[in-house]
């Protein structure tokens, strides 16, 4: 009977250890995804800045940057 009780205790403890490991893996994955998302956002921002600079260089600075609010007002008037 003691062997069965010991086996049950071992199974319960191993289950707790496994669940603890899963939580740690989940946290690590969330941190990695967060870092990846931040890196992607930075890359997009850098690309956007470079594209704006290239457009400005190509047009000699003649193109004015239109405000997003102005675009929204213009599009809502068209409807």
PDB file of N, CA and C in Angstrom:
ATOM      1  N   UNK A   1       0.814  -1.184   0.000  1.00  0.00           N
ATOM      2  CA  UNK A   1       0.000   0.000   0.000  1.00  0.00           C
ATOM      3  C   UNK A   1       0.870   1.265   0.000  1.00  0.00           C
ATOM      4  N   UNK A   2       2.011   1.196   0.688  1.00  0.00           N
ATOM      5  CA  UNK A   2       2.911   2.332   0.740  1.00  0.00           C
ATOM      6  C   UNK A   2       3.481   2.670  -0.625  1.00  0.00           C
ATOM      7  N   UNK A   3       3.678   1.677  -1.451  1.00  0.00           N
ATOM      8  CA  UNK A   3       4.220   1.892  -2.791  1.00  0.00           C
ATOM      9  C   UNK A   3       3.217   2.672  -3.633  1.00  0.00           C
ATOM     10  N   UNK A   4       1.941   2.350  -3.511  1.00  0.00           N
ATOM     11  CA  UNK A   4       0.903   3.067  -4.262  1.00  0.00           C
ATOM     12  C   UNK A   4       0.821   4.522  -3.815  1.00  0.00           C
ATOM     13  N   UNK A   5       0.879   4.740  -2.492  1.00  0.00           N
ATOM     14  CA  UNK A   5       0.835   6.103  -1.984  1.00  0.00           C
ATOM     15  C   UNK A   5       2.048   6.896  -2.447  1.00  0.00           C
ATOM     16  N   UNK A   6       3.191   6.251  -2.459  1.00  0.00           N
ATOM     17  CA  UNK A   6       4.419   6.919  -2.917  1.00  0.00           C
ATOM     18  C   UNK A   6       4.328   7.248  -4.403  1.00  0.00           C
ATOM     19  N   UNK A   7       3.775   6.323  -5.177  1.00  0.00           N
ATOM     20  CA  UNK A   7       3.642   6.540  -6.616  1.00  0.00           C
ATOM     21  C   UNK A   7       2.697   7.709  -6.896  1.00  0.00           C
ATOM     22  N   UNK A   8       1.611   7.783  -6.152  1.00  0.00           N
ATOM     23  CA  UNK A   8       0.652   8.881  -6.310  1.00  0.00           C
ATOM     24  C   UNK A   8       1.315  10.204  -5.944  1.00  0.00           C
ATOM     25  N   UNK A   9       2.072  10.218  -4.862  1.00  0.00           N
ATOM     26  CA  UNK A   9       2.766  11.432  -4.438  1.00  0.00           C
ATOM     27  C   UNK A   9       3.778  11.872  -5.493  1.00  0.00           C
ATOM     28  N   UNK A  10       4.498  10.927  -6.041  1.00  0.00           N
ATOM     29  CA  UNK A  10       5.477  11.233  -7.088  1.00  0.00           C
ATOM     30  C   UNK A  10       4.779  11.798  -8.324  1.00  0.00           C
ATOM     31  N   UNK A  11       3.651  11.227  -8.694  1.00  0.00           N
ATOM     32  CA  UNK A  11       2.905  11.720  -9.846  1.00  0.00           C
ATOM     33  C   UNK A  11       2.389  13.141  -9.603  1.00  0.00           C
ATOM     34  N   UNK A  12       1.884  13.409  -8.411  1.00  0.00           N
ATOM     35  CA  UNK A  12       1.390  14.746  -8.105  1.00  0.00           C
ATOM     36  C   UNK A  12       2.514  15.772  -8.119  1.00  0.00           C
ATOM     37  N   UNK A  13       3.641  15.416  -7.529  1.00  0.00           N
ATOM     38  CA  UNK A  13       4.776  16.334  -7.501  1.00  0.00           C
ATOM     39  C   UNK A  13       5.309  16.566  -8.912  1.00  0.00           C
ATOM     40  N   UNK A  14       5.397  15.521  -9.701  1.00  0.00           N
ATOM     41  CA  UNK A  14       5.894  15.690 -11.077  1.00  0.00           C
ATOM     42  C   UNK A  14       4.916  16.529 -11.900  1.00  0.00           C
ATOM     43  N   UNK A  15       3.629  16.393 -11.640  1.00  0.00           N
ATOM     44  CA  UNK A  15       2.638  17.229 -12.325  1.00  0.00           C
ATOM     45  C   UNK A  15       2.806  18.693 -11.976  1.00  0.00           C
ATOM     46  N   UNK A  16       3.048  18.974 -10.701  1.00  0.00           N
ATOM     47  CA  UNK A  16       3.274  20.359 -10.275  1.00  0.00           C
ATOM     48  C   UNK A  16       4.543  20.927 -10.901  1.00  0.00           C
ATOM     49  N   UNK A  17       5.584  20.124 -10.945  1.00  0.00           N
ATOM     50  CA  UNK A  17       6.836  20.571 -11.558  1.00  0.00           C
ATOM     51  C   UNK A  17       6.625  20.845 -13.044  1.00  0.00           C
ATOM     52  N   UNK A  18       5.881  19.987 -13.707  1.00  0.00           N
ATOM     53  CA  UNK A  18       5.597  20.165 -15.128  1.00  0.00           C
ATOM     54  C   UNK A  18       4.794  21.436 -15.364  1.00  0.00           C
ATOM     55  N   UNK A  19       3.787  21.690 -14.530  1.00  0.00           N
ATOM     56  CA  UNK A  19       2.983  22.903 -14.681  1.00  0.00           C
ATOM     57  C   UNK A  19       3.826  24.146 -14.433  1.00  0.00           C
ATOM     58  N   UNK A  20       4.713  24.071 -13.482  1.00  0.00           N
ATOM     59  CA  UNK A  20       5.605  25.193 -13.195  1.00  0.00           C
ATOM     60  C   UNK A  20       6.499  25.464 -14.390  1.00  0.00           C
ATOM     61  N   UNK A  21       6.994  24.423 -14.997  1.00  0.00           N
ATOM     62  CA  UNK A  21       7.824  24.565 -16.194  1.00  0.00           C
ATOM     63  C   UNK A  21       7.052  25.173 -17.349  1.00  0.00           C
ATOM     64  N   UNK A  22       5.782  24.810 -17.476  1.00  0.00           N
ATOM     65  CA  UNK A  22       4.945  25.366 -18.541  1.00  0.00           C
ATOM     66  C   UNK A  22       4.725  26.858 -18.335  1.00  0.00           C
ATOM     67  N   UNK A  23       4.514  27.271 -17.095  1.00  0.00           N
ATOM     68  CA  UNK A  23       4.331  28.694 -16.801  1.00  0.00           C
ATOM     69  C   UNK A  23       5.582  29.483 -17.160  1.00  0.00           C
ATOM     70  N   UNK A  24       6.737  28.920 -16.812  1.00  0.00           N
ATOM     71  CA  UNK A  24       7.990  29.599 -17.133  1.00  0.00           C
ATOM     72  C   UNK A  24       8.188  29.677 -18.642  1.00  0.00           C
ATOM     73  N   UNK A  25       7.843  28.618 -19.355  1.00  0.00           N
ATOM     74  CA  UNK A  25       7.968  28.619 -20.808  1.00  0.00           C
ATOM     75  C   UNK A  25       7.020  29.637 -21.431  1.00  0.00           C
ATOM     76  N   UNK A  26       5.815  29.740 -20.873  1.00  0.00           N
ATOM     77  CA  UNK A  26       4.848  30.715 -21.387  1.00  0.00           C
ATOM     78  C   UNK A  26       5.351  32.140 -21.176  1.00  0.00           C
ATOM     79  N   UNK A  27       5.888  32.417 -19.992  1.00  0.00           N
ATOM     80  CA  UNK A  27       6.425  33.746 -19.712  1.00  0.00           C
ATOM     81  C   UNK A  27       7.586  34.076 -20.638  1.00  0.00           C
ATOM     82  N   UNK A  28       8.452  33.111 -20.864  1.00  0.00           N
ATOM     83  CA  UNK A  28       9.590  33.326 -21.762  1.00  0.00           C
ATOM     84  C   UNK A  28       9.112  33.589 -23.186  1.00  0.00           C
ATOM     85  N   UNK A  29       8.100  32.857 -23.617  1.00  0.00           N
ATOM     86  CA  UNK A  29       7.560  33.059 -24.963  1.00  0.00           C
ATOM     87  C   UNK A  29       6.914  34.434 -25.086  1.00  0.00           C
ATOM     88  N   UNK A  30       6.204  34.876 -24.053  1.00  0.00           N
ATOM     89  CA  UNK A  30       5.587  36.200 -24.085  1.00  0.00           C
ATOM     90  C   UNK A  30       6.649  37.291 -24.149  1.00  0.00           C
ATOM     91  N   UNK A  31       7.725  37.122 -23.388  1.00  0.00           N
ATOM     92  CA  UNK A  31       8.808  38.100 -23.429  1.00  0.00           C
ATOM     93  C   UNK A  31       9.451  38.146 -24.805  1.00  0.00           C
ATOM     94  N   UNK A  32       9.647  36.978 -25.410  1.00  0.00           N
ATOM     95  CA  UNK A  32      10.258  36.925 -26.730  1.00  0.00           C
ATOM     96  C   UNK A  32       9.346  37.589 -27.765  1.00  0.00           C
ATOM     97  N   UNK A  33       8.041  37.323 -27.685  1.00  0.00           N
ATOM     98  CA  UNK A  33       7.102  37.940 -28.614  1.00  0.00           C
ATOM     99  C   UNK A  33       7.067  39.454 -28.437  1.00  0.00           C
ATOM    100  N   UNK A  34       7.136  39.902 -27.200  1.00  0.00           N
ATOM    101  CA  UNK A  34       7.143  41.335 -26.927  1.00  0.00           C
ATOM    102  C   UNK A  34       8.374  41.994 -27.525  1.00  0.00           C
ATOM    103  N   UNK A  35       9.526  41.375 -27.328  1.00  0.00           N
ATOM    104  CA  UNK A  35      10.765  41.916 -27.890  1.00  0.00           C
ATOM    105  C   UNK A  35      10.727  41.902 -29.417  1.00  0.00           C
ATOM    106  N   UNK A  36      10.188  40.835 -29.987  1.00  0.00           N
ATOM    107  CA  UNK A  36      10.085  40.731 -31.449  1.00  0.00           C
ATOM    108  C   UNK A  36       9.153  41.808 -31.996  1.00  0.00           C
ATOM    109  N   UNK A  37       8.036  42.029 -31.330  1.00  0.00           N
ATOM    110  CA  UNK A  37       7.087  43.058 -31.772  1.00  0.00           C
ATOM    111  C   UNK A  37       7.718  44.440 -31.687  1.00  0.00           C
ATOM    112  N   UNK A  38       8.466  44.697 -30.632  1.00  0.00           N
ATOM    113  CA  UNK A  38       9.133  45.995 -30.483  1.00  0.00           C
ATOM    114  C   UNK A  38      10.193  46.189 -31.567  1.00  0.00           C
ATOM    115  N   UNK A  39      10.929  45.130 -31.878  1.00  0.00           N
ATOM    116  CA  UNK A  39      11.938  45.205 -32.942  1.00  0.00           C
ATOM    117  C   UNK A  39      11.283  45.460 -34.301  1.00  0.00           C
ATOM    118  N   UNK A  40      10.168  44.793 -34.540  1.00  0.00           N
ATOM    119  CA  UNK A  40       9.454  44.981 -35.806  1.00  0.00           C
ATOM    120  C   UNK A  40       8.927  46.403 -35.912  1.00  0.00           C
ATOM    121  N   UNK A  41       8.384  46.935 -34.830  1.00  0.00           N
ATOM    122  CA  UNK A  41       7.879  48.308 -34.821  1.00  0.00           C
ATOM    123  C   UNK A  41       9.010  49.289 -35.099  1.00  0.00           C
ATOM    124  N   UNK A  42      10.158  49.060 -34.483  1.00  0.00           N
ATOM    125  CA  UNK A  42      11.306  49.937 -34.704  1.00  0.00           C
ATOM    126  C   UNK A  42      11.764  49.866 -36.157  1.00  0.00           C
ATOM    127  N   UNK A  43      11.778  48.667 -36.736  1.00  0.00           N
ATOM    128  CA  UNK A  43      12.176  48.511 -38.130  1.00  0.00           C
ATOM    129  C   UNK A  43      11.208  49.235 -39.062  1.00  0.00           C
ATOM    130  N   UNK A  44       9.917  49.151 -38.766  1.00  0.00           N
ATOM    131  CA  UNK A  44       8.915  49.843 -39.587  1.00  0.00           C
ATOM    132  C   UNK A  44       9.096  51.352 -39.476  1.00  0.00           C
ATOM    133  N   UNK A  45       9.308  51.840 -38.248  1.00  0.00           N
ATOM    134  CA  UNK A  45       9.520  53.275 -38.054  1.00  0.00           C
ATOM    135  C   UNK A  45      10.767  53.762 -38.798  1.00  0.00           C
ATOM    136  N   UNK A  46      11.847  52.987 -38.705  1.00  0.00           N
ATOM    137  CA  UNK A  46      13.086  53.358 -39.397  1.00  0.00           C
ATOM    138  C   UNK A  46      12.894  53.369 -40.915  1.00  0.00           C
ATOM    139  N   UNK A  47      12.160  52.367 -41.427  1.00  0.00           N
ATOM    140  CA  UNK A  47      11.891  52.301 -42.859  1.00  0.00           C
ATOM    141  C   UNK A  47      11.041  53.478 -43.304  1.00  0.00           C
ATOM    142  N   UNK A  48      10.060  53.843 -42.491  1.00  0.00           N
ATOM    143  CA  UNK A  48       9.191  54.974 -42.810  1.00  0.00           C
ATOM    144  C   UNK A  48       9.997  56.271 -42.868  1.00  0.00           C
ATOM    145  N   UNK A  49      10.864  56.464 -41.891  1.00  0.00           N
ATOM    146  CA  UNK A  49      11.699  57.665 -41.875  1.00  0.00           C
ATOM    147  C   UNK A  49      12.615  57.711 -43.097  1.00  0.00           C
ATOM    148  N   UNK A  50      13.192  56.564 -43.439  1.00  0.00           N
ATOM    149  CA  UNK A  50      14.076  56.508 -44.601  1.00  0.00           C
ATOM    150  C   UNK A  50      13.306  56.794 -45.889  1.00  0.00           C
ATOM    151  N   UNK A  51      12.081  56.282 -45.986  1.00  0.00           N
ATOM    152  CA  UNK A  51      11.261  56.528 -47.176  1.00  0.00           C
ATOM    153  C   UNK A  51      10.890  58.010 -47.276  1.00  0.00           C
ATOM    154  N   UNK A  52      10.545  58.620 -46.151  1.00  0.00           N
ATOM    155  CA  UNK A  52      10.233  60.050 -46.168  1.00  0.00           C
ATOM    156  C   UNK A  52      11.451  60.870 -46.584  1.00  0.00           C
ATOM    157  N   UNK A  53      12.617  60.485 -46.077  1.00  0.00           N
ATOM    158  CA  UNK A  53      13.837  61.202 -46.432  1.00  0.00           C
ATOM    159  C   UNK A  53      14.149  61.032 -47.915  1.00  0.00           C
ATOM    160  N   UNK A  54      13.981  59.823 -48.437  1.00  0.00           N
ATOM    161  CA  UNK A  54      14.237  59.571 -49.853  1.00  0.00           C
ATOM    162  C   UNK A  54      13.271  60.367 -50.723  1.00  0.00           C
ATOM    163  N   UNK A  55      12.003  60.442 -50.320  1.00  0.00           N
ATOM    164  CA  UNK A  55      11.015  61.214 -51.069  1.00  0.00           C
ATOM    165  C   UNK A  55      11.361  62.699 -51.030  1.00  0.00           C
ATOM    166  N   UNK A  56      11.764  63.157 -49.868  1.00  0.00           N
ATOM    167  CA  UNK A  56      12.154  64.557 -49.744  1.00  0.00           C
ATOM    168  C   UNK A  56      13.374  64.870 -50.607  1.00  0.00           C
ATOM    169  N   UNK A  57      14.347  63.978 -50.610  1.00  0.00           N
ATOM    170  CA  UNK A  57      15.542  64.169 -51.438  1.00  0.00           C
ATOM    171  C   UNK A  57      15.197  64.143 -52.921  1.00  0.00           C
ATOM    172  N   UNK A  58      14.293  63.236 -53.301  1.00  0.00           N
ATOM    173  CA  UNK A  58      13.945  63.091 -54.710  1.00  0.00           C
ATOM    174  C   UNK A  58      13.147  64.291 -55.226  1.00  0.00           C
ATOM    175  N   UNK A  59      12.307  64.864 -54.379  1.00  0.00           N
ATOM    176  CA  UNK A  59      11.474  65.977 -54.822  1.00  0.00           C
ATOM    177  C   UNK A  59      12.101  67.326 -54.486  1.00  0.00           C
ATOM    178  N   UNK A  60      13.225  67.292 -53.832  1.00  0.00           N
ATOM    179  CA  UNK A  60      13.869  68.532 -53.443  1.00  0.00           C
ATOM    180  C   UNK A  60      13.116  69.242 -52.344  1.00  0.00           C
ATOM    181  N   UNK A  61      12.337  68.517 -51.575  1.00  0.00           N
ATOM    182  CA  UNK A  61      11.597  69.101 -50.461  1.00  0.00           C
ATOM    183  C   UNK A  61      10.352  69.840 -50.893  1.00  0.00           C
ATOM    184  N   UNK A  62       9.889  69.632 -52.134  1.00  0.00           N
ATOM    185  CA  UNK A  62       8.717  70.349 -52.627  1.00  0.00           C
ATOM    186  C   UNK A  62       7.396  69.765 -52.141  1.00  0.00           C
ATOM    187  N   UNK A  63       7.391  68.494 -51.789  1.00  0.00           N
ATOM    188  CA  UNK A  63       6.156  67.849 -51.352  1.00  0.00           C
ATOM    189  C   UNK A  63       5.946  68.154 -49.875  1.00  0.00           C
ATOM    190  N   UNK A  64       4.773  68.733 -49.560  1.00  0.00           N
ATOM    191  CA  UNK A  64       4.451  69.027 -48.177  1.00  0.00           C
ATOM    192  C   UNK A  64       3.832  67.800 -47.546  1.00  0.00           C
ATOM    193  N   UNK A  65       4.171  67.603 -46.305  1.00  0.00           N
ATOM    194  CA  UNK A  65       3.629  66.474 -45.564  1.00  0.00           C
ATOM    195  C   UNK A  65       2.239  66.848 -45.062  1.00  0.00           C
ATOM    196  N   UNK A  66       1.214  66.115 -45.525  1.00  0.00           N
ATOM    197  CA  UNK A  66      -0.161  66.415 -45.148  1.00  0.00           C
ATOM    198  C   UNK A  66      -0.482  65.759 -43.814  1.00  0.00           C
ATOM    199  N   UNK A  67      -1.189  66.456 -42.985  1.00  0.00           N
ATOM    200  CA  UNK A  67      -1.553  65.940 -41.667  1.00  0.00           C
ATOM    201  C   UNK A  67      -2.635  64.871 -41.814  1.00  0.00           C
ATOM    202  N   UNK A  68      -2.566  63.797 -41.024  1.00  0.00           N
ATOM    203  CA  UNK A  68      -3.599  62.753 -41.081  1.00  0.00           C
ATOM    204  C   UNK A  68      -4.994  63.292 -40.776  1.00  0.00           C
ATOM    205  N   UNK A  69      -5.097  64.284 -39.884  1.00  0.00           N
ATOM    206  CA  UNK A  69      -6.416  64.840 -39.572  1.00  0.00           C
ATOM    207  C   UNK A  69      -7.012  65.514 -40.802  1.00  0.00           C
ATOM    208  N   UNK A  70      -6.190  66.194 -41.562  1.00  0.00           N
ATOM    209  CA  UNK A  70      -6.661  66.856 -42.776  1.00  0.00           C
ATOM    210  C   UNK A  70      -7.148  65.820 -43.792  1.00  0.00           C
ATOM    211  N   UNK A  71      -6.442  64.715 -43.900  1.00  0.00           N
ATOM    212  CA  UNK A  71      -6.869  63.642 -44.810  1.00  0.00           C
ATOM    213  C   UNK A  71      -8.218  63.092 -44.376  1.00  0.00           C
ATOM    214  N   UNK A  72      -8.418  62.911 -43.091  1.00  0.00           N
ATOM    215  CA  UNK A  72      -9.690  62.376 -42.595  1.00  0.00           C
ATOM    216  C   UNK A  72     -10.824  63.360 -42.884  1.00  0.00           C
ATOM    217  N   UNK A  73     -10.584  64.641 -42.708  1.00  0.00           N
ATOM    218  CA  UNK A  73     -11.621  65.628 -42.986  1.00  0.00           C
ATOM    219  C   UNK A  73     -11.976  65.643 -44.461  1.00  0.00           C
ATOM    220  N   UNK A  74     -10.963  65.573 -45.331  1.00  0.00           N
ATOM    221  CA  UNK A  74     -11.197  65.571 -46.773  1.00  0.00           C
ATOM    222  C   UNK A  74     -11.987  64.335 -47.203  1.00  0.00           C
ATOM    223  N   UNK A  75     -11.618  63.181 -46.654  1.00  0.00           N
ATOM    224  CA  UNK A  75     -12.309  61.954 -47.059  1.00  0.00           C
ATOM    225  C   UNK A  75     -13.753  61.919 -46.537  1.00  0.00           C
ATOM    226  N   UNK A  76     -13.984  62.503 -45.358  1.00  0.00           N
ATOM    227  CA  UNK A  76     -15.354  62.489 -44.832  1.00  0.00           C
ATOM    228  C   UNK A  76     -16.244  63.460 -45.611  1.00  0.00           C
ATOM    229  N   UNK A  77     -15.671  64.540 -46.164  1.00  0.00           N
ATOM    230  CA  UNK A  77     -16.444  65.454 -46.985  1.00  0.00           C
ATOM    231  C   UNK A  77     -16.844  64.818 -48.308  1.00  0.00           C
ATOM    232  N   UNK A  78     -15.986  63.940 -48.824  1.00  0.00           N
ATOM    233  CA  UNK A  78     -16.275  63.296 -50.103  1.00  0.00           C
ATOM    234  C   UNK A  78     -17.448  62.345 -49.992  1.00  0.00           C
ATOM    235  N   UNK A  79     -17.660  61.803 -48.838  1.00  0.00           N
ATOM    236  CA  UNK A  79     -18.764  60.852 -48.644  1.00  0.00           C
ATOM    237  C   UNK A  79     -20.023  61.649 -48.501  1.00  0.00           C
TER     238      UNK A  79
END
